[in-house]
């Protein structure tokens, strides 16, 4: 599942995100969602989240 729709993302869900510094390379970082930072219901580049370890990025993949 892609991370473009806010309602698909839950606190504690395991996701792959792209950090700001990795936007050019597209390198993914996996972690569990602590906070959902994007307020709009959807975003074309992915919903911005904060992981439990404090890293912030846009969700590219949601793992069930």
C-alpha atoms as a PDB file:
ATOM      1  CA  UNK A   1       0.000   0.000   0.000  1.00  0.00           C
ATOM      2  CA  UNK A   2       1.356   3.437  -0.870  1.00  0.00           C
ATOM      3  CA  UNK A   3       1.536   6.216   1.692  1.00  0.00           C
ATOM      4  CA  UNK A   4      -0.389   8.954  -0.134  1.00  0.00           C
ATOM      5  CA  UNK A   5      -3.638   8.718   1.874  1.00  0.00           C
ATOM      6  CA  UNK A   6      -3.608   9.821   5.524  1.00  0.00           C
ATOM      7  CA  UNK A   7      -6.424   7.453   6.566  1.00  0.00           C
ATOM      8  CA  UNK A   8      -4.317   4.418   5.510  1.00  0.00           C
ATOM      9  CA  UNK A   9      -1.605   5.244   8.074  1.00  0.00           C
ATOM     10  CA  UNK A  10      -1.971   4.287  11.740  1.00  0.00           C
ATOM     11  CA  UNK A  11       0.182   5.122  14.769  1.00  0.00           C
ATOM     12  CA  UNK A  12       2.440   2.110  15.376  1.00  0.00           C
ATOM     13  CA  UNK A  13       2.244   0.895  11.760  1.00  0.00           C
ATOM     14  CA  UNK A  14       5.464  -0.329  10.161  1.00  0.00           C
ATOM     15  CA  UNK A  15       6.326   1.837   7.150  1.00  0.00           C
ATOM     16  CA  UNK A  16       9.119   2.660   4.717  1.00  0.00           C
ATOM     17  CA  UNK A  17       9.850   6.392   4.431  1.00  0.00           C
ATOM     18  CA  UNK A  18      12.140   8.581   2.359  1.00  0.00           C
ATOM     19  CA  UNK A  19      14.088  11.039   4.497  1.00  0.00           C
ATOM     20  CA  UNK A  20      14.685  14.583   3.178  1.00  0.00           C
ATOM     21  CA  UNK A  21      18.395  13.816   2.705  1.00  0.00           C
ATOM     22  CA  UNK A  22      17.534  10.677   0.699  1.00  0.00           C
ATOM     23  CA  UNK A  23      15.018  12.254  -1.700  1.00  0.00           C
ATOM     24  CA  UNK A  24      17.482  12.243  -4.616  1.00  0.00           C
ATOM     25  CA  UNK A  25      18.609   8.633  -4.117  1.00  0.00           C
ATOM     26  CA  UNK A  26      15.193   7.339  -3.029  1.00  0.00           C
ATOM     27  CA  UNK A  27      16.752   5.288  -0.204  1.00  0.00           C
ATOM     28  CA  UNK A  28      14.084   3.921   2.146  1.00  0.00           C
ATOM     29  CA  UNK A  29      14.162   3.854   5.952  1.00  0.00           C
ATOM     30  CA  UNK A  30      11.914   1.407   7.836  1.00  0.00           C
ATOM     31  CA  UNK A  31      10.337   2.144  11.189  1.00  0.00           C
ATOM     32  CA  UNK A  32       7.149   2.425  13.233  1.00  0.00           C
ATOM     33  CA  UNK A  33       4.972   5.560  13.035  1.00  0.00           C
ATOM     34  CA  UNK A  34       4.972   7.727  16.170  1.00  0.00           C
ATOM     35  CA  UNK A  35       3.228  10.867  14.795  1.00  0.00           C
ATOM     36  CA  UNK A  36       1.439  11.775  11.550  1.00  0.00           C
ATOM     37  CA  UNK A  37       2.612  15.264  10.563  1.00  0.00           C
ATOM     38  CA  UNK A  38       0.654  15.935   7.334  1.00  0.00           C
ATOM     39  CA  UNK A  39      -2.755  17.470   8.098  1.00  0.00           C
ATOM     40  CA  UNK A  40      -4.338  17.104   4.625  1.00  0.00           C
ATOM     41  CA  UNK A  41      -6.201  13.850   3.798  1.00  0.00           C
ATOM     42  CA  UNK A  42      -3.776  13.007   0.988  1.00  0.00           C
ATOM     43  CA  UNK A  43      -0.468  14.151  -0.501  1.00  0.00           C
ATOM     44  CA  UNK A  44       1.018  13.243  -3.909  1.00  0.00           C
ATOM     45  CA  UNK A  45       4.541  12.692  -2.500  1.00  0.00           C
ATOM     46  CA  UNK A  46       3.423  10.733   0.569  1.00  0.00           C
ATOM     47  CA  UNK A  47       2.153  11.570   4.047  1.00  0.00           C
ATOM     48  CA  UNK A  48       4.855  13.019   6.306  1.00  0.00           C
ATOM     49  CA  UNK A  49       5.393  11.079   9.537  1.00  0.00           C
ATOM     50  CA  UNK A  50       7.767  10.928  12.508  1.00  0.00           C
ATOM     51  CA  UNK A  51       9.098   7.475  13.354  1.00  0.00           C
ATOM     52  CA  UNK A  52       9.565   6.198  16.923  1.00  0.00           C
ATOM     53  CA  UNK A  53      13.325   6.873  16.599  1.00  0.00           C
ATOM     54  CA  UNK A  54      12.637  10.549  15.729  1.00  0.00           C
ATOM     55  CA  UNK A  55      13.366  10.461  11.991  1.00  0.00           C
ATOM     56  CA  UNK A  56      10.950  12.398   9.756  1.00  0.00           C
ATOM     57  CA  UNK A  57      10.066  11.580   6.163  1.00  0.00           C
ATOM     58  CA  UNK A  58       7.334  10.815   3.654  1.00  0.00           C
ATOM     59  CA  UNK A  59       5.705   7.372   3.608  1.00  0.00           C
ATOM     60  CA  UNK A  60       6.373   5.350   0.455  1.00  0.00           C
ATOM     61  CA  UNK A  61       5.178   1.912   1.597  1.00  0.00           C
ATOM     62  CA  UNK A  62       2.934   0.647   4.403  1.00  0.00           C
ATOM     63  CA  UNK A  63       3.517  -2.884   5.728  1.00  0.00           C
ATOM     64  CA  UNK A  64       0.483  -4.751   7.068  1.00  0.00           C
END
